[in-house]
Protein backbone atom coordinates (compact mmCIF):
# COMPACT_ATOMS: atom_id res chain seq x y z
CA MET A 1 -41.46 -7.28 -29.44
CA THR A 2 -43.01 -6.73 -26.02
CA PRO A 3 -41.20 -4.74 -23.35
CA LEU A 4 -40.76 -7.89 -21.27
CA LYS A 5 -39.09 -9.72 -24.15
CA LEU A 6 -36.91 -6.69 -24.73
CA LEU A 7 -35.66 -6.83 -21.15
CA GLN A 8 -35.11 -10.60 -21.25
CA SER A 9 -33.38 -10.70 -24.62
CA ASP A 10 -29.80 -11.86 -24.88
CA LYS A 11 -29.33 -10.21 -28.30
CA PRO A 12 -28.26 -6.53 -28.11
CA ARG A 13 -29.08 -5.86 -31.71
CA ALA A 14 -32.69 -7.12 -31.21
CA VAL A 15 -33.06 -4.83 -28.21
CA LEU A 16 -31.88 -1.80 -30.14
CA GLU A 17 -34.12 -2.63 -33.03
CA GLY A 18 -37.07 -3.28 -30.73
CA ILE A 19 -36.71 0.09 -28.98
CA GLU A 20 -36.42 1.78 -32.36
CA ARG A 21 -39.69 0.21 -33.40
CA LEU A 22 -41.33 1.36 -30.17
CA THR A 23 -40.19 4.91 -30.57
CA SER A 24 -41.19 5.11 -34.21
CA ALA A 25 -44.57 3.45 -33.95
CA GLY A 26 -47.80 5.48 -34.15
CA ASP A 27 -47.17 9.12 -33.37
CA GLY A 28 -43.55 8.50 -32.46
CA HIS A 29 -44.20 8.49 -28.68
CA ALA A 30 -45.21 4.89 -28.10
CA PHE A 31 -42.30 4.22 -25.89
CA ASP A 32 -42.92 7.37 -23.82
CA GLN A 33 -46.60 6.38 -23.57
CA LEU A 34 -45.57 2.93 -22.31
CA LEU A 35 -43.44 4.52 -19.60
CA ASN A 36 -46.24 6.91 -18.70
CA GLY A 37 -48.60 3.99 -18.21
CA ILE A 38 -46.38 2.23 -15.63
CA ARG A 39 -45.55 5.52 -13.86
CA TYR A 40 -48.70 5.56 -11.83
CA GLN A 41 -48.78 1.86 -10.79
CA ALA A 42 -47.25 0.27 -7.81
CA PRO A 43 -43.56 -0.09 -8.84
CA THR A 44 -41.98 -3.46 -9.38
CA ALA A 45 -38.39 -4.12 -10.26
CA GLN A 46 -39.46 -4.44 -13.92
CA ASP A 47 -41.26 -1.14 -13.80
CA PHE A 48 -38.29 0.48 -12.18
CA LEU A 49 -36.02 -0.56 -15.02
CA LEU A 50 -38.40 0.74 -17.60
CA ALA A 51 -38.94 4.03 -15.81
CA PHE A 52 -35.22 4.42 -15.43
CA ALA A 53 -34.72 3.87 -19.11
CA GLY A 54 -37.27 6.60 -19.76
CA ARG A 55 -34.70 9.19 -18.89
CA LEU A 56 -33.03 8.91 -22.29
CA LEU A 57 -30.96 12.11 -22.14
CA PRO A 58 -27.39 12.47 -20.90
CA ASN A 59 -26.90 14.12 -17.52
CA GLU A 60 -24.03 15.26 -15.31
CA HIS A 61 -23.28 11.69 -14.12
CA PHE A 62 -23.72 9.85 -17.41
CA LYS A 63 -22.18 11.30 -20.57
CA PRO A 64 -22.11 8.87 -23.48
CA ALA A 65 -20.24 9.51 -26.71
CA ASP A 66 -21.56 12.34 -28.87
CA ASP A 67 -22.71 9.89 -31.52
CA SER A 68 -24.74 7.74 -29.08
CA SER A 69 -28.39 7.45 -29.91
CA ARG A 70 -31.22 7.84 -27.35
CA GLN A 71 -31.89 4.13 -27.69
CA LEU A 72 -28.29 3.24 -26.89
CA ILE A 73 -28.39 5.54 -23.80
CA ALA A 74 -31.49 3.78 -22.63
CA CYS A 75 -29.85 0.38 -22.93
CA HIS A 76 -26.79 1.59 -21.02
CA GLU A 77 -28.99 2.62 -18.11
CA LEU A 78 -31.03 -0.65 -18.31
CA ALA A 79 -27.75 -2.55 -18.11
CA VAL A 80 -26.72 -0.77 -14.93
CA LEU A 81 -30.03 -1.30 -13.20
CA GLY A 82 -29.99 -4.88 -14.35
CA LEU A 83 -27.02 -5.43 -12.07
CA VAL A 84 -28.98 -4.00 -9.13
CA CYS A 85 -31.99 -6.18 -9.72
CA LYS A 86 -29.91 -9.33 -10.43
CA ALA A 87 -30.98 -9.79 -14.01
CA PRO A 88 -29.67 -13.03 -15.61
CA GLU A 89 -26.15 -12.72 -16.94
CA SER A 90 -27.37 -13.77 -20.38
CA SER A 91 -29.86 -10.90 -20.58
CA ILE A 92 -29.35 -7.49 -22.07
CA LEU A 93 -29.80 -6.11 -18.59
CA GLY A 94 -27.17 -8.25 -17.02
CA ASN A 95 -24.46 -8.33 -19.61
CA ALA A 96 -24.77 -6.66 -22.99
CA PHE A 97 -23.56 -3.13 -22.29
CA LYS A 98 -21.51 -3.50 -19.08
CA GLN A 99 -18.34 -2.69 -20.94
CA VAL A 100 -19.51 0.84 -21.73
CA VAL A 101 -20.73 1.93 -18.26
CA THR A 102 -18.07 4.32 -16.84
CA SER A 103 -20.19 6.39 -14.49
CA LEU A 104 -23.04 5.42 -12.09
CA ALA A 105 -25.08 7.42 -9.62
CA LEU A 106 -27.82 5.96 -7.48
CA GLY A 107 -29.65 7.30 -4.44
CA PRO A 108 -31.94 10.19 -3.72
CA PHE A 109 -29.46 12.68 -5.09
CA GLY A 110 -28.39 10.66 -8.15
CA PHE A 111 -30.38 8.93 -10.83
CA THR A 112 -34.05 9.06 -9.94
CA GLY A 113 -35.90 8.53 -13.22
CA HIS A 114 -39.62 8.86 -12.54
CA ILE A 115 -39.34 7.28 -9.09
CA PRO A 116 -38.69 9.89 -6.36
CA ARG A 117 -36.66 7.65 -4.04
CA VAL A 118 -34.51 5.11 -5.83
CA ASP A 119 -32.93 3.74 -2.67
CA GLN A 120 -36.37 2.96 -1.16
CA LEU A 121 -37.36 1.03 -4.23
CA ILE A 122 -34.20 -0.99 -4.41
CA ARG A 123 -34.57 -1.85 -0.74
CA SER A 124 -38.12 -2.96 -1.28
CA GLN A 125 -37.05 -5.36 -4.04
CA HIS A 126 -33.99 -6.71 -2.41
CA SER A 127 -33.81 -6.27 1.34
CA ASN A 128 -30.28 -7.61 1.38
CA VAL A 129 -28.92 -4.85 -0.87
CA LEU A 130 -28.94 -2.09 1.75
CA PRO A 131 -27.49 -0.87 4.00
CA GLY A 132 -24.61 -3.17 3.01
CA LEU A 133 -24.49 -3.68 -0.72
CA PRO A 134 -23.61 -7.21 -1.90
CA HIS A 135 -19.90 -8.09 -1.88
CA GLY A 136 -18.51 -7.71 -5.40
CA TRP A 137 -21.75 -6.07 -6.63
CA LEU A 138 -19.92 -3.59 -8.85
CA ALA A 139 -17.10 -5.81 -10.05
CA ASN A 140 -19.30 -6.58 -13.04
CA LEU A 141 -18.56 -3.11 -14.34
CA PRO A 142 -14.89 -3.36 -15.31
CA LYS A 143 -14.76 0.18 -16.69
CA LEU A 144 -16.55 1.96 -13.88
CA GLU A 145 -14.58 5.12 -13.08
CA ARG A 146 -17.07 7.31 -11.15
CA LEU A 147 -19.60 6.24 -8.55
CA ASP A 148 -22.06 8.40 -6.60
CA LEU A 149 -24.09 6.79 -3.81
CA SER A 150 -24.78 9.97 -1.85
CA GLY A 151 -27.56 9.65 0.66
CA MET A 152 -27.61 5.87 0.56
CA PRO A 153 -27.63 4.18 4.03
CA VAL A 154 -24.28 2.50 3.56
CA GLU A 155 -22.57 0.97 6.61
CA ARG A 156 -19.74 -0.95 5.02
CA LEU A 157 -17.50 -0.47 2.00
CA ASP A 158 -16.15 -3.96 1.27
CA TRP A 159 -18.70 -4.32 -1.53
CA LEU A 160 -16.49 -2.02 -3.58
CA GLU A 161 -13.90 -4.82 -4.03
CA GLY A 162 -13.18 -5.51 -7.62
CA CYS A 163 -13.78 -1.95 -8.86
CA ASP A 164 -10.33 -1.87 -10.44
CA SER A 165 -10.98 1.25 -12.51
CA LEU A 166 -12.77 3.35 -9.84
CA SER A 167 -11.00 6.67 -9.51
CA TRP A 168 -13.80 8.93 -8.10
CA LEU A 169 -16.20 8.03 -5.25
CA ARG A 170 -18.83 10.25 -3.67
CA LEU A 171 -20.69 9.08 -0.56
CA ARG A 172 -22.06 12.38 0.73
CA GLY A 173 -24.49 12.23 3.59
CA THR A 174 -23.99 8.54 4.36
CA HIS A 175 -25.01 8.89 7.99
CA GLN A 176 -24.64 5.16 8.83
CA LEU A 177 -20.94 5.02 7.91
CA THR A 178 -18.77 5.17 11.08
CA GLU A 179 -15.40 3.93 9.81
CA LEU A 180 -13.33 3.33 6.67
CA ALA A 181 -11.71 0.16 7.91
CA THR A 182 -13.77 -1.96 5.47
CA LEU A 183 -12.37 -0.16 2.41
CA PRO A 184 -10.83 -2.56 -0.08
CA THR A 185 -7.71 -1.68 -2.05
CA LEU A 186 -8.84 0.79 -4.78
CA PRO A 187 -7.24 3.12 -7.28
CA LEU A 188 -9.23 6.10 -6.00
CA GLU A 189 -7.88 9.58 -6.59
CA THR A 190 -10.92 11.44 -5.20
CA LEU A 191 -13.04 10.47 -2.16
CA ASP A 192 -15.92 12.70 -1.08
CA LEU A 193 -17.47 11.96 2.28
CA ASP A 194 -18.94 15.43 2.89
CA GLY A 195 -21.71 15.34 5.56
CA SER A 196 -20.98 11.81 6.76
CA ARG A 197 -21.78 12.91 10.30
CA SER A 198 -21.27 9.52 12.01
CA LEU A 199 -17.75 8.92 10.64
CA LYS A 200 -15.21 8.65 13.48
CA ASP A 201 -12.41 6.45 12.25
CA LEU A 202 -10.33 7.15 9.11
CA SER A 203 -8.27 3.93 9.41
CA GLY A 204 -8.27 2.30 6.00
CA LEU A 205 -6.98 5.17 3.96
CA LYS A 206 -3.70 3.31 3.49
CA LYS A 207 -5.53 1.10 1.00
CA LEU A 208 -6.01 4.08 -1.30
CA ASN A 209 -2.41 4.70 -2.34
CA LYS A 210 -3.37 6.94 -5.24
CA LEU A 211 -5.65 9.24 -3.19
CA LYS A 212 -5.04 12.96 -4.07
CA TYR A 213 -8.37 14.68 -3.00
CA LEU A 214 -10.20 13.96 0.23
CA ASP A 215 -13.38 15.77 1.34
CA LEU A 216 -14.34 15.29 5.02
CA ALA A 217 -16.32 18.53 5.44
CA GLY A 218 -19.18 18.29 7.89
CA CYS A 219 -17.99 14.98 9.39
CA THR A 220 -19.07 16.26 12.79
CA SER A 221 -18.09 13.12 14.76
CA LEU A 222 -14.42 13.37 13.86
CA THR A 223 -12.27 14.39 16.85
CA HIS A 224 -8.79 13.31 15.54
CA VAL A 225 -7.31 12.73 12.15
CA SER A 226 -4.14 10.81 13.01
CA ALA A 227 -5.05 8.20 10.35
CA LEU A 228 -4.20 10.84 7.69
CA ARG A 229 -0.63 9.64 8.05
CA GLU A 230 -1.82 6.77 5.85
CA ALA A 231 -2.43 9.19 2.95
CA PRO A 232 0.89 11.05 2.54
CA ASP A 233 0.29 11.94 -1.12
CA LEU A 234 -2.89 14.00 -0.57
CA GLN A 235 -2.79 17.33 -2.37
CA TRP A 236 -6.25 18.71 -1.34
CA LEU A 237 -8.02 18.18 1.97
CA ASN A 238 -11.26 19.61 3.31
CA LEU A 239 -11.95 19.39 7.02
CA SER A 240 -14.28 22.37 7.24
CA ARG A 241 -17.27 22.23 9.62
CA CYS A 242 -15.74 19.28 11.64
CA GLU A 243 -17.06 20.91 14.77
CA ARG A 244 -15.65 18.35 17.23
CA LEU A 245 -12.20 18.18 15.74
CA VAL A 246 -9.67 19.06 18.49
CA SER A 247 -6.34 17.96 16.96
CA LEU A 248 -4.58 18.10 13.58
CA GLU A 249 -1.96 15.60 14.69
CA GLY A 250 -1.26 13.31 11.71
CA ILE A 251 -1.52 16.02 9.10
CA GLU A 252 2.17 16.88 9.41
CA GLY A 253 3.12 13.84 7.35
CA MET A 254 1.25 15.02 4.27
CA ALA A 255 4.26 16.47 2.48
CA SER A 256 2.41 16.93 -0.82
CA LEU A 257 -0.55 18.90 0.55
CA ARG A 258 -1.19 22.14 -1.32
CA GLU A 259 -4.73 23.12 -0.23
CA LEU A 260 -6.30 22.79 3.22
CA ASP A 261 -9.62 23.97 4.64
CA VAL A 262 -10.30 23.71 8.36
CA GLY A 263 -12.72 26.59 8.51
CA GLY A 264 -15.54 26.26 11.04
CA CYS A 265 -13.71 23.68 13.23
CA LEU A 266 -15.06 25.23 16.38
CA SER A 267 -13.09 23.08 18.83
CA LEU A 268 -9.68 23.53 17.18
CA GLN A 269 -7.05 25.69 18.82
CA ASP A 270 -3.63 24.15 18.13
CA ILE A 271 -2.52 24.37 14.53
CA SER A 272 1.14 23.56 15.15
CA PRO A 273 1.16 20.47 12.82
CA LEU A 274 0.63 22.80 9.86
CA GLY A 275 4.21 24.05 10.21
CA LYS A 276 5.42 20.82 8.55
CA LEU A 277 3.47 21.40 5.35
CA ALA A 278 6.23 22.93 3.23
CA LYS A 279 4.23 22.80 -0.03
CA LEU A 280 1.01 24.37 1.41
CA GLU A 281 -0.23 27.17 -0.86
CA GLU A 282 -3.86 27.79 0.17
CA LEU A 283 -5.17 27.67 3.76
CA ASP A 284 -8.59 28.49 5.20
CA LEU A 285 -8.61 28.93 8.99
CA SER A 286 -11.80 31.01 9.12
CA LEU A 287 -14.25 30.83 12.00
CA LEU A 288 -11.87 29.25 14.51
CA PRO A 289 -13.08 30.94 17.75
CA LYS A 290 -10.17 29.57 19.84
CA LEU A 291 -7.29 30.51 17.56
CA GLU A 292 -5.05 33.20 19.13
CA HIS A 293 -2.05 33.31 16.79
CA VAL A 294 -0.63 31.75 13.64
CA ASP A 295 3.07 31.48 14.61
CA ALA A 296 3.06 27.87 13.46
CA LEU A 297 2.68 29.02 9.87
CA ASN A 298 6.09 30.73 9.70
CA PRO A 299 7.81 27.74 8.05
CA CYS A 300 5.09 27.57 5.37
CA GLN A 301 6.95 29.77 2.87
CA ARG A 302 4.83 28.83 -0.17
CA LEU A 303 1.57 30.21 1.18
CA LYS A 304 -0.24 32.29 -1.42
CA ARG A 305 -3.73 32.57 0.08
CA VAL A 306 -4.72 32.59 3.75
CA VAL A 307 -8.21 33.13 5.15
CA LEU A 308 -8.51 34.03 8.87
CA ALA A 309 -11.92 35.68 8.73
CA GLY A 310 -13.97 35.51 11.82
CA CYS A 311 -11.16 34.30 14.17
CA GLU A 312 -12.49 36.30 17.13
CA GLN A 313 -9.55 35.54 19.47
CA LEU A 314 -6.75 36.17 16.95
CA GLU A 315 -4.38 38.77 18.40
CA HIS A 316 -1.55 38.98 15.85
CA VAL A 317 -0.31 37.53 12.54
CA GLU A 318 3.42 37.53 13.20
CA GLY A 319 3.64 34.07 11.73
CA LEU A 320 2.91 35.49 8.31
CA ARG A 321 5.53 38.24 8.21
CA ASP A 322 7.99 36.42 5.95
CA GLN A 323 5.77 34.77 3.38
CA GLU A 324 6.99 36.53 0.21
CA GLU A 325 4.49 34.73 -2.09
CA LEU A 326 1.42 35.67 -0.01
CA ALA A 327 -1.03 37.31 -2.38
CA TYR A 328 -4.33 37.14 -0.44
CA LEU A 329 -4.93 37.59 3.27
CA ASP A 330 -8.41 37.82 4.74
CA LEU A 331 -8.52 39.26 8.25
CA SER A 332 -12.08 40.44 8.26
CA ASP A 333 -13.99 40.23 11.56
CA CYS A 334 -10.85 39.53 13.61
CA ASN A 335 -11.90 42.04 16.22
CA ARG A 336 -9.06 41.42 18.70
CA LEU A 337 -6.31 41.75 16.12
CA GLN A 338 -3.70 44.30 17.21
CA PRO A 339 -1.58 46.41 14.80
CA SER A 340 1.93 45.05 14.60
CA PRO A 341 5.18 47.03 14.80
CA PRO A 342 6.64 47.90 11.33
CA SER A 343 6.78 44.60 9.57
CA ARG A 344 7.62 43.13 6.15
CA LEU A 345 4.05 41.85 5.78
CA MET A 346 2.60 45.03 4.36
CA VAL A 347 5.49 45.72 1.93
CA ASN A 348 5.20 42.31 0.42
CA ARG A 349 5.26 42.88 -3.31
CA SER A 350 2.93 39.94 -3.93
CA LEU A 351 0.31 41.12 -1.43
CA THR A 352 -1.83 43.38 -3.59
CA PRO A 353 -4.34 45.93 -2.28
CA THR A 354 -7.21 43.83 -3.64
CA GLY A 355 -5.90 40.74 -1.92
CA VAL A 356 -5.92 42.11 1.60
CA ALA A 357 -9.12 42.31 3.60
CA VAL A 358 -10.42 44.75 6.17
CA TYR A 359 -7.33 45.17 8.33
CA GLN A 360 -4.93 46.23 5.59
CA GLU A 361 -5.29 49.97 6.27
CA ARG A 362 -5.12 49.46 10.02
CA LEU A 363 -1.91 47.50 9.80
CA ARG A 364 -0.33 49.92 7.34
CA ALA A 365 -1.16 52.81 9.67
CA SER A 366 1.02 51.22 12.26
CA GLU A 367 4.08 51.09 10.02
């Protein structure tokens, strides 16, 4: 059976048997030799699929069952790429193994096979695929749970409609994405948009009613996060390195939030909305050059870990005097911090010597 017939076959068993024959023929490397031959030619969609299938080993994005053979793994990957290249529904690429694909990664940081830039190749074959992927493109993968399209030039998100099992989505470094309004209703629990530097509008989060983890680190165009009111069940939120962020208004409604990172938000001064986060346990406020005090944190009685390192204008930490569960407090490089009058902060039984940073001795000396 020729490689072309393998790819066009509508009989899964024939495909598996054909690949077995290729791998066992001659010195046992016929299939690898075949891939090596197409590797140095101008790539076509057909070559791309073959080269992609040449990566027959599991990786961090694709972990088949322990008893899966190398041949079966190859067919899984061929099935996925068949969707991209619009293989006939009757073919092994278009249909045979769709039910077993649970994780997919494309783009310069995902699956690359022997082609260095997968996104460029897909664009060259189907100019209408990017930057907006076809509507319903992934709905043919009913069991898809994890999707990584980091680095892809995505502008819209409505093509995710129909991904009824998708619980984890990573779109890191998608610099063309400016808003989330085109999000369809999805069962996402984790959304990673780290480094999406053009993102300005978070409206659309209300369609993700199961969202628990949201990473917006490095979204340098964000100035406000009022749309976070649409995600009241978030437990983990990363807003670090959002250099233009000037307000946390909207965050006060996130009653379930346990971990928050706003380190490196250089324009942020007012943290008063944090006082409404009764369940907050871990908080990073490092490298906030405009922060002068943390009085707003007094109601946050469940705080266990607070990082204030590098807050150059911080003058006192009176807002942390009564947190009895506080076990780690980093005050390093807070050069304007003044010793407080005798306080309960330093006799906190939970606050161990190893959990307090540079200013521990200075504060204790003032007792």
